């Protein structure tokens, strides 16, 4: 009986030793791989565009898409993105984003950022070149990895003064209605990134028109109608949105 107990204890001790050794190997081997076979991750700017400008609050909205490539056989966990936004080499704002993105082994992951940037002197309207520069930071287990990125773009105001940005027309309305029902059409989400909307012109799709940010309309016949909203801005540019509505006979 005592021999059986002793053998059982030795067996448990052996299992514990093997388990500890396995854990050590799982930790040490990937680390050794990273030490001897590590390649630096790569971060590139896939796209960058100016979404809108708000002269009232002296801000602009910038869209940025980054691609991070992981050349190693271990998963990369991105911690953060740091950098800065410059216009004509003058720093306008820092870039800081807690990413949390996971990049698969020998794969890529995209990071989309939309930043509202304070621009007290509105250089975005008068400057020539907007540039971003920064670095992505990540980890393989506890070993850190990072890579730099940089991109630039010409601003709308570069060259010959400020170039007008066109307005954006948006229709908010139901998709269906019944004959002679009063239908509400809302154009209040339309906007002008560098000024203001001066007019809303509606083509109701049945030969009638209307004016205004909000309009109502009754359709006298059933059918599929294409409604158009054309908005004009304070610099004479315009944009047209389309919306289809199906009108049915009242049951």
Protein backbone atom coordinates (compact mmCIF):
# COMPACT_ATOMS: atom_id res chain seq x y z
CA UNK A 1 0.00 0.00 0.00
CA UNK A 2 2.81 2.40 0.90
CA UNK A 3 4.58 1.58 -2.37
CA UNK A 4 1.41 2.40 -4.31
CA UNK A 5 1.08 5.78 -2.56
CA UNK A 6 4.74 6.58 -3.19
CA UNK A 7 4.43 5.70 -6.90
CA UNK A 8 1.26 7.80 -7.18
CA UNK A 9 3.02 10.82 -5.66
CA UNK A 10 5.99 10.39 -7.99
CA UNK A 11 3.63 10.19 -10.96
CA UNK A 12 1.92 13.43 -9.93
CA UNK A 13 5.29 15.11 -9.45
CA UNK A 14 6.33 13.96 -12.91
CA UNK A 15 3.12 15.37 -14.44
CA UNK A 16 3.73 18.71 -12.73
CA UNK A 17 7.32 18.78 -14.00
CA UNK A 18 6.24 17.98 -17.54
CA UNK A 19 3.53 20.66 -17.40
CA UNK A 20 5.97 23.28 -16.14
CA UNK A 21 8.48 22.30 -18.83
CA UNK A 22 5.78 22.58 -21.51
CA UNK A 23 4.81 26.08 -20.33
CA UNK A 24 8.45 27.14 -20.32
CA UNK A 25 8.92 25.84 -23.85
CA UNK A 26 5.78 27.64 -25.04
CA UNK A 27 7.20 30.86 -23.69
CA UNK A 28 10.89 30.40 -24.52
CA UNK A 29 10.65 28.99 -28.05
CA UNK A 30 8.55 31.86 -29.52
CA UNK A 31 10.90 34.31 -27.82
CA UNK A 32 13.94 32.59 -29.32
CA UNK A 33 12.23 32.67 -32.70
CA UNK A 34 11.63 36.42 -32.39
CA UNK A 35 15.22 37.02 -31.31
CA UNK A 36 16.75 35.13 -34.26
CA UNK A 37 14.07 35.44 -36.98
CA UNK A 38 12.36 38.77 -36.16
CA UNK A 39 11.37 41.11 -39.00
CA UNK A 40 10.08 44.62 -38.42
CA UNK A 41 6.34 45.16 -39.08
CA UNK A 42 5.38 47.63 -41.82
CA UNK A 43 2.79 50.41 -41.60
CA UNK A 44 1.59 52.20 -44.73
CA UNK A 45 -1.04 54.87 -45.41
CA UNK A 46 -3.68 53.34 -47.68
CA UNK A 47 -5.79 56.49 -47.97
CA UNK A 48 -6.09 59.99 -46.52
CA UNK A 49 -8.80 62.51 -47.33
CA UNK A 50 -10.28 65.74 -46.04
CA UNK A 51 -13.90 64.98 -45.12
CA UNK A 52 -15.17 68.44 -44.12
CA UNK A 53 -14.23 71.84 -42.75
CA UNK A 54 -16.19 73.78 -40.11
CA UNK A 55 -15.24 77.45 -40.14
CA UNK A 56 -17.53 78.21 -37.20
CA UNK A 57 -15.77 75.88 -34.77
CA UNK A 58 -12.42 76.21 -36.61
CA UNK A 59 -12.01 72.49 -37.05
CA UNK A 60 -11.70 70.04 -39.91
CA UNK A 61 -12.41 66.32 -40.17
CA UNK A 62 -9.68 64.09 -41.57
CA UNK A 63 -10.11 60.45 -42.62
CA UNK A 64 -7.10 58.12 -42.47
CA UNK A 65 -6.74 54.41 -43.30
CA UNK A 66 -3.57 52.57 -42.26
CA UNK A 67 -2.46 49.08 -43.27
CA UNK A 68 -0.17 47.16 -40.89
CA UNK A 69 1.69 44.13 -42.29
CA UNK A 70 3.04 41.51 -39.89
CA UNK A 71 5.93 39.56 -41.54
CA UNK A 72 6.45 37.22 -38.57
CA UNK A 73 4.91 33.85 -37.67
CA UNK A 74 3.47 35.17 -34.40
CA UNK A 75 0.38 37.34 -33.94
CA UNK A 76 1.06 41.07 -33.49
CA UNK A 77 -1.06 43.01 -31.00
CA UNK A 78 -1.12 46.75 -31.77
CA UNK A 79 -1.21 48.95 -28.67
CA UNK A 80 -1.43 52.46 -30.05
CA UNK A 81 -0.86 54.87 -32.93
CA UNK A 82 1.09 58.07 -32.28
CA UNK A 83 2.00 60.89 -34.64
CA UNK A 84 1.20 64.43 -35.72
CA UNK A 85 -0.65 66.40 -38.40
CA UNK A 86 1.21 69.22 -40.16
CA UNK A 87 0.21 71.87 -42.68
CA UNK A 88 3.09 73.44 -44.59
CA UNK A 89 5.46 71.87 -42.00
CA UNK A 90 3.68 73.55 -39.08
CA UNK A 91 2.29 71.12 -36.51
CA UNK A 92 -1.49 71.47 -36.20
CA UNK A 93 -2.45 68.54 -33.98
CA UNK A 94 -1.08 65.33 -32.46
CA UNK A 95 -2.36 61.88 -33.47
CA UNK A 96 -3.06 59.39 -30.68
CA UNK A 97 -5.23 56.30 -30.94
CA UNK A 98 -5.44 53.26 -28.65
CA UNK A 99 -5.72 50.72 -31.44
CA UNK A 100 -6.15 47.28 -29.89
CA UNK A 101 -6.00 45.79 -33.40
CA UNK A 102 -4.68 42.24 -33.81
CA UNK A 103 -2.59 41.48 -36.91
CA UNK A 104 -2.44 37.78 -37.92
CA UNK A 105 0.89 36.01 -38.63
CA UNK A 106 2.21 36.98 -42.08
CA UNK A 107 -0.96 38.97 -42.65
CA UNK A 108 -2.32 42.52 -42.70
CA UNK A 109 -4.96 44.48 -40.81
CA UNK A 110 -6.52 47.84 -41.59
CA UNK A 111 -7.03 50.68 -39.12
CA UNK A 112 -9.54 53.40 -39.96
CA UNK A 113 -9.32 56.72 -38.11
CA UNK A 114 -11.64 59.72 -38.37
CA UNK A 115 -10.14 62.71 -36.56
CA UNK A 116 -11.70 66.08 -35.73
CA UNK A 117 -8.75 68.46 -35.76
CA UNK A 118 -8.63 71.87 -34.04
CA UNK A 119 -7.28 74.45 -36.51
CA UNK A 120 -7.54 77.88 -34.85
CA UNK A 121 -6.03 79.77 -37.81
CA UNK A 122 -7.92 77.69 -40.45
CA UNK A 123 -4.71 76.84 -42.25
CA UNK A 124 -6.57 73.96 -43.87
CA UNK A 125 -8.26 76.60 -46.09
CA UNK A 126 -5.13 78.55 -46.98
CA UNK A 127 -2.27 76.05 -46.76
CA UNK A 128 -0.72 74.07 -49.59
CA UNK A 129 0.21 70.65 -48.21
CA UNK A 130 -1.19 68.58 -45.33
CA UNK A 131 1.20 65.92 -44.05
CA UNK A 132 0.95 63.22 -41.40
CA UNK A 133 3.82 61.35 -39.78
CA UNK A 134 3.73 58.82 -37.00
CA UNK A 135 4.44 55.35 -35.67
CA UNK A 136 2.43 52.26 -34.76
CA UNK A 137 3.39 50.36 -31.60
CA UNK A 138 2.69 46.70 -30.89
CA UNK A 139 3.88 43.53 -29.14
CA UNK A 140 4.74 39.92 -29.92
CA UNK A 141 4.13 38.36 -26.49
CA UNK A 142 6.29 40.75 -24.43
CA UNK A 143 8.68 41.74 -27.24
CA UNK A 144 7.85 45.17 -28.69
CA UNK A 145 7.60 46.03 -32.37
CA UNK A 146 6.98 49.37 -34.11
CA UNK A 147 7.03 50.95 -37.56
CA UNK A 148 6.87 54.46 -39.00
CA UNK A 149 4.44 55.89 -41.54
CA UNK A 150 4.18 59.17 -43.46
CA UNK A 151 1.88 60.61 -46.14
CA UNK A 152 1.01 64.01 -47.64
CA UNK A 153 -1.76 65.51 -49.75
CA UNK A 154 -2.44 68.79 -51.54
CA UNK A 155 -5.11 70.89 -49.87
CA UNK A 156 -8.09 72.33 -51.79
CA UNK A 157 -6.76 75.85 -51.18
CA UNK A 158 -3.31 75.17 -52.61
CA UNK A 159 -2.23 77.07 -55.69
CA UNK A 160 -4.57 79.99 -56.38
CA UNK A 161 -6.27 80.88 -53.13
CA UNK A 162 -9.17 78.96 -51.59
CA UNK A 163 -10.95 76.48 -53.84
CA UNK A 164 -14.60 75.90 -53.07
CA UNK A 165 -15.61 72.49 -51.70
CA UNK A 166 -18.99 71.40 -53.15
CA UNK A 167 -22.03 70.84 -50.92
CA UNK A 168 -23.42 67.39 -50.12
CA UNK A 169 -27.13 66.73 -50.71
CA UNK A 170 -28.90 64.25 -48.40
CA UNK A 171 -32.55 63.12 -48.49
CA UNK A 172 -34.29 61.58 -45.49
CA UNK A 173 -37.73 60.20 -46.47
CA UNK A 174 -39.81 56.99 -46.31
CA UNK A 175 -39.41 54.28 -48.91
CA UNK A 176 -43.13 53.60 -49.29
CA UNK A 177 -46.41 55.54 -49.13
CA UNK A 178 -50.04 55.24 -50.25
CA UNK A 179 -51.91 57.38 -52.76
CA UNK A 180 -52.86 60.84 -51.38
CA UNK A 181 -50.89 60.26 -48.15
CA UNK A 182 -48.99 63.34 -46.99
CA UNK A 183 -45.31 62.34 -47.21
CA UNK A 184 -42.56 64.32 -45.45
CA UNK A 185 -39.20 64.90 -47.15
CA UNK A 186 -36.27 66.14 -45.04
CA UNK A 187 -33.17 67.76 -46.55
CA UNK A 188 -31.74 69.12 -43.28
CA UNK A 189 -28.80 66.68 -43.27
CA UNK A 190 -27.42 68.30 -46.41
CA UNK A 191 -24.27 70.29 -45.65
CA UNK A 192 -21.51 72.42 -47.12
CA UNK A 193 -18.00 71.59 -45.75
CA UNK A 194 -16.61 75.11 -46.24
CA UNK A 195 -19.66 77.37 -46.11
CA UNK A 196 -23.43 77.07 -45.93
CA UNK A 197 -26.38 75.86 -48.01
CA UNK A 198 -28.30 78.65 -49.74
CA UNK A 199 -31.12 76.71 -51.39
CA UNK A 200 -32.99 73.39 -51.53
CA UNK A 201 -34.79 72.55 -54.79
CA UNK A 202 -37.00 69.43 -54.92
CA UNK A 203 -38.12 67.50 -58.00
CA UNK A 204 -40.85 65.18 -56.69
CA UNK A 205 -40.66 62.78 -59.63
CA UNK A 206 -44.27 63.31 -60.79
CA UNK A 207 -43.77 66.56 -62.66
CA UNK A 208 -44.05 68.85 -59.60
CA UNK A 209 -41.33 70.77 -57.76
CA UNK A 210 -40.92 72.45 -54.39
CA UNK A 211 -38.46 74.56 -52.43
CA UNK A 212 -37.23 74.40 -48.84
CA UNK A 213 -35.29 72.34 -46.34
CA UNK A 214 -38.47 70.43 -45.37
CA UNK A 215 -41.33 69.74 -47.80
CA UNK A 216 -44.47 67.57 -47.88
CA UNK A 217 -46.12 66.02 -50.92
CA UNK A 218 -49.13 63.88 -51.90
CA UNK A 219 -48.92 61.50 -54.85
CA UNK A 220 -52.14 61.13 -56.81
CA UNK A 221 -51.22 57.86 -58.57
CA UNK A 222 -49.46 54.66 -57.57
CA UNK A 223 -46.02 53.87 -58.96
CA UNK A 224 -42.28 54.17 -58.38
CA UNK A 225 -41.08 57.80 -58.14
CA UNK A 226 -37.52 59.14 -58.10
CA UNK A 227 -37.27 62.25 -55.93
CA UNK A 228 -34.32 64.60 -56.49
CA UNK A 229 -32.96 67.21 -54.08
CA UNK A 230 -30.51 69.77 -55.49
CA UNK A 231 -28.72 71.98 -52.95
CA UNK A 232 -26.67 75.10 -53.70
CA UNK A 233 -23.90 76.59 -51.57
CA UNK A 234 -22.76 80.17 -51.04
CA UNK A 235 -20.09 79.83 -53.75
CA UNK A 236 -22.48 78.69 -56.48
CA UNK A 237 -21.71 74.95 -56.43
CA UNK A 238 -24.46 72.37 -56.24
CA UNK A 239 -25.07 68.68 -55.58
CA UNK A 240 -28.05 66.44 -56.28
CA UNK A 241 -29.28 63.44 -54.27
CA UNK A 242 -31.87 60.89 -55.43
CA UNK A 243 -34.41 58.88 -53.45
CA UNK A 244 -36.89 56.28 -54.72
CA UNK A 245 -40.32 55.97 -53.13
CA UNK A 246 -42.96 53.38 -53.99
CA UNK A 247 -46.55 54.61 -53.84
CA UNK A 248 -49.33 52.02 -53.57
CA UNK A 249 -53.10 52.19 -53.72
CA UNK A 250 -54.69 52.41 -50.30
CA UNK A 251 -56.00 48.94 -49.34
